[in-house]
Amino acid sequence: MTAPLAVLVHGLWHGAWCWDDVRVALSGRGVDSVAVELPLTDLAADTAVVRDVLDAAGRPAVLVGHSYGGAVVTGAGVHPLVRELVYVAAFQLDEGESVSRTRLGDLPDTRLAEAMVVSGDEIALDPVLGPQLLYGDADPATAAACAARLRPVGRRVFRGVPEAIAWRSVPSTYAVCTADQVVHPDRQRAMAARATRGVEWSCGHSPAATRPGDVADLVAGRVRALS
């Protein structure tokens, strides 16, 4: 049996590049991976791109979503090749929910809305506050290198509702980041209650940048569990 491939899906304002260190770590653990480049125009288009990657891979997959990428893998995860979902500080959405509106009760928010800069149909991040929220626990060089590669996203991504809810039929693992300043940890824990299993890391929103080995360990562990 072919070991599952790790398919890595980034969040808003990012690109496939944000998984580079995780992919190196996964390779060292004997796990093949691919990082998806999302157009970040709307949820339907982003989900379609992931499905195309799964089609092209043609092998079983563990589908990993970070932040907004969780909304994407929730919809794309019903693909017949997906064996497990991994959510990293991510939106494990239910029916009718979007990243801007979940039915999780009265939970605290972060300063993310304050950091968003709207221009026409796109939303960028404030060049100072945005990186502080995303990479608050990263070393200055790492934070600066990542911040330099951020890009605007389409406004429609915030309203997109997944076409399917994969975690209802596919096992899932949720990693809560307890010092997150983008998706509040209490909100993460509420979504993690929907997962099959969960872990907690004492880190900010971007463990792929700050703790790539831990992310790789989690993903590789789920791949091995399915092999």
C-alpha atoms as a PDB file:
ATOM      1  CA  MET A   1       0.000   0.000   0.000  1.00  0.00           C
ATOM      2  CA  THR A   2       1.294   3.464  -0.899  1.00  0.00           C
ATOM      3  CA  ALA A   3       1.856   5.633   2.177  1.00  0.00           C
ATOM      4  CA  PRO A   4      -0.395   8.693   2.234  1.00  0.00           C
ATOM      5  CA  LEU A   5       0.870  11.978   0.860  1.00  0.00           C
ATOM      6  CA  ALA A   6       0.660  15.080   3.079  1.00  0.00           C
ATOM      7  CA  VAL A   7      -1.202  17.833   1.222  1.00  0.00           C
ATOM      8  CA  LEU A   8      -0.596  21.195   2.911  1.00  0.00           C
ATOM      9  CA  VAL A   9      -3.070  24.083   2.553  1.00  0.00           C
ATOM     10  CA  HIS A  10      -2.078  27.581   3.670  1.00  0.00           C
ATOM     11  CA  GLY A  11      -4.184  30.335   5.187  1.00  0.00           C
ATOM     12  CA  LEU A  12      -5.069  33.882   4.194  1.00  0.00           C
ATOM     13  CA  TRP A  13      -2.391  36.308   2.957  1.00  0.00           C
ATOM     14  CA  HIS A  14       0.086  33.432   2.617  1.00  0.00           C
ATOM     15  CA  GLY A  15       1.209  31.048  -0.111  1.00  0.00           C
ATOM     16  CA  ALA A  16       2.633  27.566  -0.489  1.00  0.00           C
ATOM     17  CA  TRP A  17       5.978  29.006   0.629  1.00  0.00           C
ATOM     18  CA  CYS A  18       4.863  29.093   4.274  1.00  0.00           C
ATOM     19  CA  TRP A  19       5.155  25.285   4.426  1.00  0.00           C
ATOM     20  CA  ASP A  20       8.779  25.150   3.180  1.00  0.00           C
ATOM     21  CA  ASP A  21      10.355  24.296   6.554  1.00  0.00           C
ATOM     22  CA  VAL A  22       7.608  21.797   7.364  1.00  0.00           C
ATOM     23  CA  ARG A  23       8.150  20.059   4.037  1.00  0.00           C
ATOM     24  CA  VAL A  24      11.879  19.755   4.715  1.00  0.00           C
ATOM     25  CA  ALA A  25      11.092  18.275   8.126  1.00  0.00           C
ATOM     26  CA  LEU A  26       8.542  15.884   6.639  1.00  0.00           C
ATOM     27  CA  SER A  27      11.045  14.703   4.058  1.00  0.00           C
ATOM     28  CA  GLY A  28      13.472  13.948   6.871  1.00  0.00           C
ATOM     29  CA  ARG A  29      10.738  11.810   8.449  1.00  0.00           C
ATOM     30  CA  GLY A  30      10.179   9.895   5.224  1.00  0.00           C
ATOM     31  CA  VAL A  31       6.870  11.578   4.357  1.00  0.00           C
ATOM     32  CA  ASP A  32       6.127  12.906   0.869  1.00  0.00           C
ATOM     33  CA  SER A  33       4.313  16.227   0.729  1.00  0.00           C
ATOM     34  CA  VAL A  34       2.935  18.863  -1.594  1.00  0.00           C
ATOM     35  CA  ALA A  35       2.013  22.433  -0.703  1.00  0.00           C
ATOM     36  CA  VAL A  36      -0.980  23.894  -2.506  1.00  0.00           C
ATOM     37  CA  GLU A  37      -0.947  27.464  -3.862  1.00  0.00           C
ATOM     38  CA  LEU A  38      -4.426  28.898  -3.363  1.00  0.00           C
ATOM     39  CA  PRO A  39      -5.724  31.776  -5.497  1.00  0.00           C
ATOM     40  CA  LEU A  40      -7.426  33.259  -2.389  1.00  0.00           C
ATOM     41  CA  THR A  41     -10.248  34.681  -4.465  1.00  0.00           C
ATOM     42  CA  ASP A  42     -13.155  32.747  -2.926  1.00  0.00           C
ATOM     43  CA  LEU A  43     -13.670  29.505  -1.038  1.00  0.00           C
ATOM     44  CA  ALA A  44     -15.127  27.596  -3.979  1.00  0.00           C
ATOM     45  CA  ALA A  45     -12.120  28.349  -6.203  1.00  0.00           C
ATOM     46  CA  ASP A  46      -9.664  27.503  -3.430  1.00  0.00           C
ATOM     47  CA  THR A  47     -11.438  24.218  -2.741  1.00  0.00           C
ATOM     48  CA  ALA A  48     -11.373  23.322  -6.436  1.00  0.00           C
ATOM     49  CA  VAL A  49      -7.609  23.854  -6.568  1.00  0.00           C
ATOM     50  CA  VAL A  50      -7.091  21.405  -3.694  1.00  0.00           C
ATOM     51  CA  ARG A  51      -9.316  18.824  -5.365  1.00  0.00           C
ATOM     52  CA  ASP A  52      -7.261  19.182  -8.546  1.00  0.00           C
ATOM     53  CA  VAL A  53      -4.051  18.581  -6.567  1.00  0.00           C
ATOM     54  CA  LEU A  54      -5.556  15.446  -5.024  1.00  0.00           C
ATOM     55  CA  ASP A  55      -6.620  14.220  -8.473  1.00  0.00           C
ATOM     56  CA  ALA A  56      -3.131  14.799  -9.853  1.00  0.00           C
ATOM     57  CA  ALA A  57      -1.452  13.068  -6.898  1.00  0.00           C
ATOM     58  CA  GLY A  58      -3.550   9.942  -7.367  1.00  0.00           C
ATOM     59  CA  ARG A  59      -2.674   8.495  -3.962  1.00  0.00           C
ATOM     60  CA  PRO A  60      -4.138   8.502  -0.434  1.00  0.00           C
ATOM     61  CA  ALA A  61      -3.662  11.800   1.377  1.00  0.00           C
ATOM     62  CA  VAL A  62      -3.635  13.449   4.772  1.00  0.00           C
ATOM     63  CA  LEU A  63      -5.070  16.901   4.144  1.00  0.00           C
ATOM     64  CA  VAL A  64      -3.627  19.639   6.389  1.00  0.00           C
ATOM     65  CA  GLY A  65      -5.184  23.092   6.705  1.00  0.00           C
ATOM     66  CA  HIS A  66      -3.820  26.123   8.554  1.00  0.00           C
ATOM     67  CA  SER A  67      -6.171  28.929   9.618  1.00  0.00           C
ATOM     68  CA  TYR A  68      -8.468  29.715   6.625  1.00  0.00           C
ATOM     69  CA  GLY A  69      -7.034  26.572   5.043  1.00  0.00           C
ATOM     70  CA  GLY A  70      -9.236  24.684   7.481  1.00  0.00           C
ATOM     71  CA  ALA A  71     -12.312  25.958   5.671  1.00  0.00           C
ATOM     72  CA  VAL A  72     -10.788  24.746   2.414  1.00  0.00           C
ATOM     73  CA  VAL A  73      -9.944  21.246   3.643  1.00  0.00           C
ATOM     74  CA  THR A  74     -13.382  20.951   5.241  1.00  0.00           C
ATOM     75  CA  GLY A  75     -14.905  21.154   1.775  1.00  0.00           C
ATOM     76  CA  ALA A  76     -12.167  19.402  -0.196  1.00  0.00           C
ATOM     77  CA  GLY A  77     -11.797  16.586   2.311  1.00  0.00           C
ATOM     78  CA  VAL A  78     -14.700  14.582   0.912  1.00  0.00           C
ATOM     79  CA  HIS A  79     -12.419  13.698  -2.010  1.00  0.00           C
ATOM     80  CA  PRO A  80     -12.184   9.870  -2.117  1.00  0.00           C
ATOM     81  CA  LEU A  81      -8.398   9.888  -1.667  1.00  0.00           C
ATOM     82  CA  VAL A  82      -8.455  11.813   1.630  1.00  0.00           C
ATOM     83  CA  ARG A  83      -7.880   9.571   4.655  1.00  0.00           C
ATOM     84  CA  GLU A  84      -7.561  12.174   7.428  1.00  0.00           C
ATOM     85  CA  LEU A  85      -7.838  15.903   8.057  1.00  0.00           C
ATOM     86  CA  VAL A  86      -5.421  17.907  10.206  1.00  0.00           C
ATOM     87  CA  TYR A  87      -6.435  21.385  11.379  1.00  0.00           C
ATOM     88  CA  VAL A  88      -3.709  23.740  12.646  1.00  0.00           C
ATOM     89  CA  ALA A  89      -5.206  26.810  14.372  1.00  0.00           C
ATOM     90  CA  ALA A  90      -7.791  26.381  11.642  1.00  0.00           C
ATOM     91  CA  PHE A  91     -11.462  26.855  10.837  1.00  0.00           C
ATOM     92  CA  GLN A  92     -13.130  23.473  11.263  1.00  0.00           C
ATOM     93  CA  LEU A  93     -16.449  24.799  10.009  1.00  0.00           C
ATOM     94  CA  ASP A  94     -19.898  23.256  10.217  1.00  0.00           C
ATOM     95  CA  GLU A  95     -22.886  23.609   7.873  1.00  0.00           C
ATOM     96  CA  GLY A  96     -23.668  27.210   6.985  1.00  0.00           C
ATOM     97  CA  GLU A  97     -20.563  28.631   8.669  1.00  0.00           C
ATOM     98  CA  SER A  98     -17.845  30.830   7.171  1.00  0.00           C
ATOM     99  CA  VAL A  99     -14.581  32.152   8.573  1.00  0.00           C
ATOM    100  CA  SER A 100     -16.365  35.410   9.403  1.00  0.00           C
ATOM    101  CA  ARG A 101     -19.422  33.783  10.964  1.00  0.00           C
ATOM    102  CA  THR A 102     -19.431  30.627  13.071  1.00  0.00           C
ATOM    103  CA  ARG A 103     -22.136  29.321  15.368  1.00  0.00           C
ATOM    104  CA  LEU A 104     -19.912  28.778  18.359  1.00  0.00           C
ATOM    105  CA  GLY A 105     -21.574  31.042  20.892  1.00  0.00           C
ATOM    106  CA  ASP A 106     -20.184  34.181  22.521  1.00  0.00           C
ATOM    107  CA  LEU A 107     -16.410  33.779  22.263  1.00  0.00           C
ATOM    108  CA  PRO A 108     -13.651  36.402  22.493  1.00  0.00           C
ATOM    109  CA  ASP A 109     -12.159  37.926  19.353  1.00  0.00           C
ATOM    110  CA  THR A 110      -8.639  39.058  18.542  1.00  0.00           C
ATOM    111  CA  ARG A 111      -7.356  42.272  16.944  1.00  0.00           C
ATOM    112  CA  LEU A 112      -7.394  40.751  13.454  1.00  0.00           C
ATOM    113  CA  ALA A 113     -10.226  42.974  12.206  1.00  0.00           C
ATOM    114  CA  GLU A 114      -8.236  46.007  13.314  1.00  0.00           C
ATOM    115  CA  ALA A 115      -5.279  44.813  11.221  1.00  0.00           C
ATOM    116  CA  MET A 116      -7.246  44.365   7.992  1.00  0.00           C
ATOM    117  CA  VAL A 117      -6.960  47.047   5.299  1.00  0.00           C
ATOM    118  CA  VAL A 118      -9.802  47.052   2.751  1.00  0.00           C
ATOM    119  CA  SER A 119      -9.191  48.298  -0.780  1.00  0.00           C
ATOM    120  CA  GLY A 120     -11.943  47.630  -3.309  1.00  0.00           C
ATOM    121  CA  ASP A 121     -12.485  43.881  -3.538  1.00  0.00           C
ATOM    122  CA  GLU A 122      -9.266  43.025  -1.703  1.00  0.00           C
ATOM    123  CA  ILE A 123      -8.164  42.935   1.912  1.00  0.00           C
ATOM    124  CA  ALA A 124      -4.537  43.323   2.926  1.00  0.00           C
ATOM    125  CA  LEU A 125      -2.924  43.485   6.352  1.00  0.00           C
ATOM    126  CA  ASP A 126      -1.515  46.491   8.138  1.00  0.00           C
ATOM    127  CA  PRO A 127       2.270  46.186   7.686  1.00  0.00           C
ATOM    128  CA  VAL A 128       2.940  46.619  11.401  1.00  0.00           C
ATOM    129  CA  LEU A 129       0.012  45.074  13.284  1.00  0.00           C
ATOM    130  CA  GLY A 130      -0.533  42.225  10.817  1.00  0.00           C
ATOM    131  CA  PRO A 131       2.884  40.608  11.292  1.00  0.00           C
ATOM    132  CA  GLN A 132       2.686  41.194  15.042  1.00  0.00           C
ATOM    133  CA  LEU A 133      -0.476  39.117  15.204  1.00  0.00           C
ATOM    134  CA  LEU A 134       0.695  36.430  12.784  1.00  0.00           C
ATOM    135  CA  TYR A 135       4.280  36.015  14.002  1.00  0.00           C
ATOM    136  CA  GLY A 136       4.330  37.450  17.512  1.00  0.00           C
ATOM    137  CA  ASP A 137       6.388  34.556  18.861  1.00  0.00           C
ATOM    138  CA  ALA A 138       8.786  34.293  15.904  1.00  0.00           C
ATOM    139  CA  ASP A 139      12.328  35.612  15.909  1.00  0.00           C
ATOM    140  CA  PRO A 140      12.609  39.010  14.147  1.00  0.00           C
ATOM    141  CA  ALA A 141      14.344  37.641  11.037  1.00  0.00           C
ATOM    142  CA  THR A 142      11.736  34.934  10.497  1.00  0.00           C
ATOM    143  CA  ALA A 143       8.868  37.358  11.096  1.00  0.00           C
ATOM    144  CA  ALA A 144      10.319  39.897   8.643  1.00  0.00           C
ATOM    145  CA  ALA A 145      10.961  37.287   5.942  1.00  0.00           C
ATOM    146  CA  CYS A 146       7.414  35.945   6.195  1.00  0.00           C
ATOM    147  CA  ALA A 147       5.796  39.379   6.362  1.00  0.00           C
ATOM    148  CA  ALA A 148       7.562  40.427   3.167  1.00  0.00           C
ATOM    149  CA  ARG A 149       5.750  37.666   1.244  1.00  0.00           C
ATOM    150  CA  LEU A 150       2.184  38.338   2.412  1.00  0.00           C
ATOM    151  CA  ARG A 151      -0.356  39.282  -0.272  1.00  0.00           C
ATOM    152  CA  PRO A 152      -3.889  40.706  -0.387  1.00  0.00           C
ATOM    153  CA  VAL A 153      -6.871  38.339  -0.551  1.00  0.00           C
ATOM    154  CA  GLY A 154     -10.312  38.594  -2.105  1.00  0.00           C
ATOM    155  CA  ARG A 155     -13.080  39.874   0.173  1.00  0.00           C
ATOM    156  CA  ARG A 156     -15.304  36.924  -0.788  1.00  0.00           C
ATOM    157  CA  VAL A 157     -13.111  34.416   1.035  1.00  0.00           C
ATOM    158  CA  PHE A 158     -14.533  35.625   4.340  1.00  0.00           C
ATOM    159  CA  ARG A 159     -18.118  34.772   3.357  1.00  0.00           C
ATOM    160  CA  GLY A 160     -17.520  31.401   1.715  1.00  0.00           C
ATOM    161  CA  VAL A 161     -19.401  28.404   3.124  1.00  0.00           C
ATOM    162  CA  PRO A 162     -17.971  24.897   2.526  1.00  0.00           C
ATOM    163  CA  GLU A 163     -19.951  22.845   0.028  1.00  0.00           C
ATOM    164  CA  ALA A 164     -19.397  19.722   2.147  1.00  0.00           C
ATOM    165  CA  ILE A 165     -18.408  18.978   5.742  1.00  0.00           C
ATOM    166  CA  ALA A 166     -15.691  16.351   5.427  1.00  0.00           C
ATOM    167  CA  TRP A 167     -14.952  15.918   9.129  1.00  0.00           C
ATOM    168  CA  ARG A 168     -18.349  14.293   9.610  1.00  0.00           C
ATOM    169  CA  SER A 169     -17.124  11.285   7.624  1.00  0.00           C
ATOM    170  CA  VAL A 170     -13.308  11.590   7.718  1.00  0.00           C
ATOM    171  CA  PRO A 171     -11.206  11.378  10.920  1.00  0.00           C
ATOM    172  CA  SER A 172      -9.682  14.682  12.004  1.00  0.00           C
ATOM    173  CA  THR A 173      -6.991  16.005  14.325  1.00  0.00           C
ATOM    174  CA  TYR A 174      -6.954  19.582  15.640  1.00  0.00           C
ATOM    175  CA  ALA A 175      -3.873  21.456  16.908  1.00  0.00           C
ATOM    176  CA  VAL A 176      -4.825  24.395  19.152  1.00  0.00           C
ATOM    177  CA  CYS A 177      -2.246  27.193  19.385  1.00  0.00           C
ATOM    178  CA  THR A 178      -2.710  28.557  22.890  1.00  0.00           C
ATOM    179  CA  ALA A 179      -0.970  31.932  22.366  1.00  0.00           C
ATOM    180  CA  ASP A 180      -2.687  32.680  19.053  1.00  0.00           C
ATOM    181  CA  GLN A 181      -3.460  36.350  18.369  1.00  0.00           C
ATOM    182  CA  VAL A 182      -5.341  35.748  15.107  1.00  0.00           C
ATOM    183  CA  VAL A 183      -7.841  32.955  15.871  1.00  0.00           C
ATOM    184  CA  HIS A 184      -8.575  33.149  19.573  1.00  0.00           C
ATOM    185  CA  PRO A 185      -7.598  29.948  21.420  1.00  0.00           C
ATOM    186  CA  ASP A 186     -11.102  29.672  22.926  1.00  0.00           C
ATOM    187  CA  ARG A 187     -12.560  29.710  19.417  1.00  0.00           C
ATOM    188  CA  GLN A 188     -10.053  27.065  18.379  1.00  0.00           C
ATOM    189  CA  ARG A 189     -11.001  24.848  21.300  1.00  0.00           C
ATOM    190  CA  ALA A 190     -14.678  25.138  20.383  1.00  0.00           C
ATOM    191  CA  MET A 191     -13.881  23.966  16.855  1.00  0.00           C
ATOM    192  CA  ALA A 192     -11.464  21.316  18.142  1.00  0.00           C
ATOM    193  CA  ALA A 193     -14.406  19.742  19.967  1.00  0.00           C
ATOM    194  CA  ARG A 194     -15.630  18.719  16.501  1.00  0.00           C
ATOM    195  CA  ALA A 195     -12.433  16.785  15.761  1.00  0.00           C
ATOM    196  CA  THR A 196     -11.688  13.142  16.412  1.00  0.00           C
ATOM    197  CA  ARG A 197      -8.628  14.039  18.483  1.00  0.00           C
ATOM    198  CA  GLY A 198      -6.726  17.138  19.515  1.00  0.00           C
ATOM    199  CA  VAL A 199      -3.438  18.513  20.809  1.00  0.00           C
ATOM    200  CA  GLU A 200      -2.419  21.883  22.234  1.00  0.00           C
ATOM    201  CA  TRP A 201       0.788  23.770  21.504  1.00  0.00           C
ATOM    202  CA  SER A 202       2.071  26.757  23.467  1.00  0.00           C
ATOM    203  CA  CYS A 203       2.682  28.990  20.460  1.00  0.00           C
ATOM    204  CA  GLY A 204       1.243  31.732  18.289  1.00  0.00           C
ATOM    205  CA  HIS A 205      -0.696  31.527  15.051  1.00  0.00           C
ATOM    206  CA  SER A 206       2.105  30.368  12.740  1.00  0.00           C
ATOM    207  CA  PRO A 207       3.729  27.154  14.007  1.00  0.00           C
ATOM    208  CA  ALA A 208       4.822  26.273  10.464  1.00  0.00           C
ATOM    209  CA  ALA A 209       7.252  29.189  10.838  1.00  0.00           C
ATOM    210  CA  THR A 210       8.078  28.868  14.536  1.00  0.00           C
ATOM    211  CA  ARG A 211       7.747  25.113  15.224  1.00  0.00           C
ATOM    212  CA  PRO A 212       8.042  23.301  11.885  1.00  0.00           C
ATOM    213  CA  GLY A 213       9.369  20.167  13.569  1.00  0.00           C
ATOM    214  CA  ASP A 214       6.293  19.889  15.777  1.00  0.00           C
ATOM    215  CA  VAL A 215       3.987  20.363  12.792  1.00  0.00           C
ATOM    216  CA  ALA A 216       5.923  17.715  10.873  1.00  0.00           C
ATOM    217  CA  ASP A 217       5.807  15.331  13.830  1.00  0.00           C
ATOM    218  CA  LEU A 218       2.025  15.669  14.042  1.00  0.00           C
ATOM    219  CA  VAL A 219       1.467  15.206  10.313  1.00  0.00           C
ATOM    220  CA  ALA A 220       3.970  12.366  10.021  1.00  0.00           C
ATOM    221  CA  GLY A 221       2.336  10.630  12.957  1.00  0.00           C
ATOM    222  CA  ARG A 222      -1.056  10.743  11.257  1.00  0.00           C
ATOM    223  CA  VAL A 223       0.481   9.472   7.985  1.00  0.00           C
ATOM    224  CA  ARG A 224       2.128   6.556   9.786  1.00  0.00           C
ATOM    225  CA  ALA A 225      -1.078   5.731  11.608  1.00  0.00           C
ATOM    226  CA  LEU A 226      -2.731   5.211   8.231  1.00  0.00           C
ATOM    227  CA  SER A 227       0.116   3.332   6.555  1.00  0.00           C
END
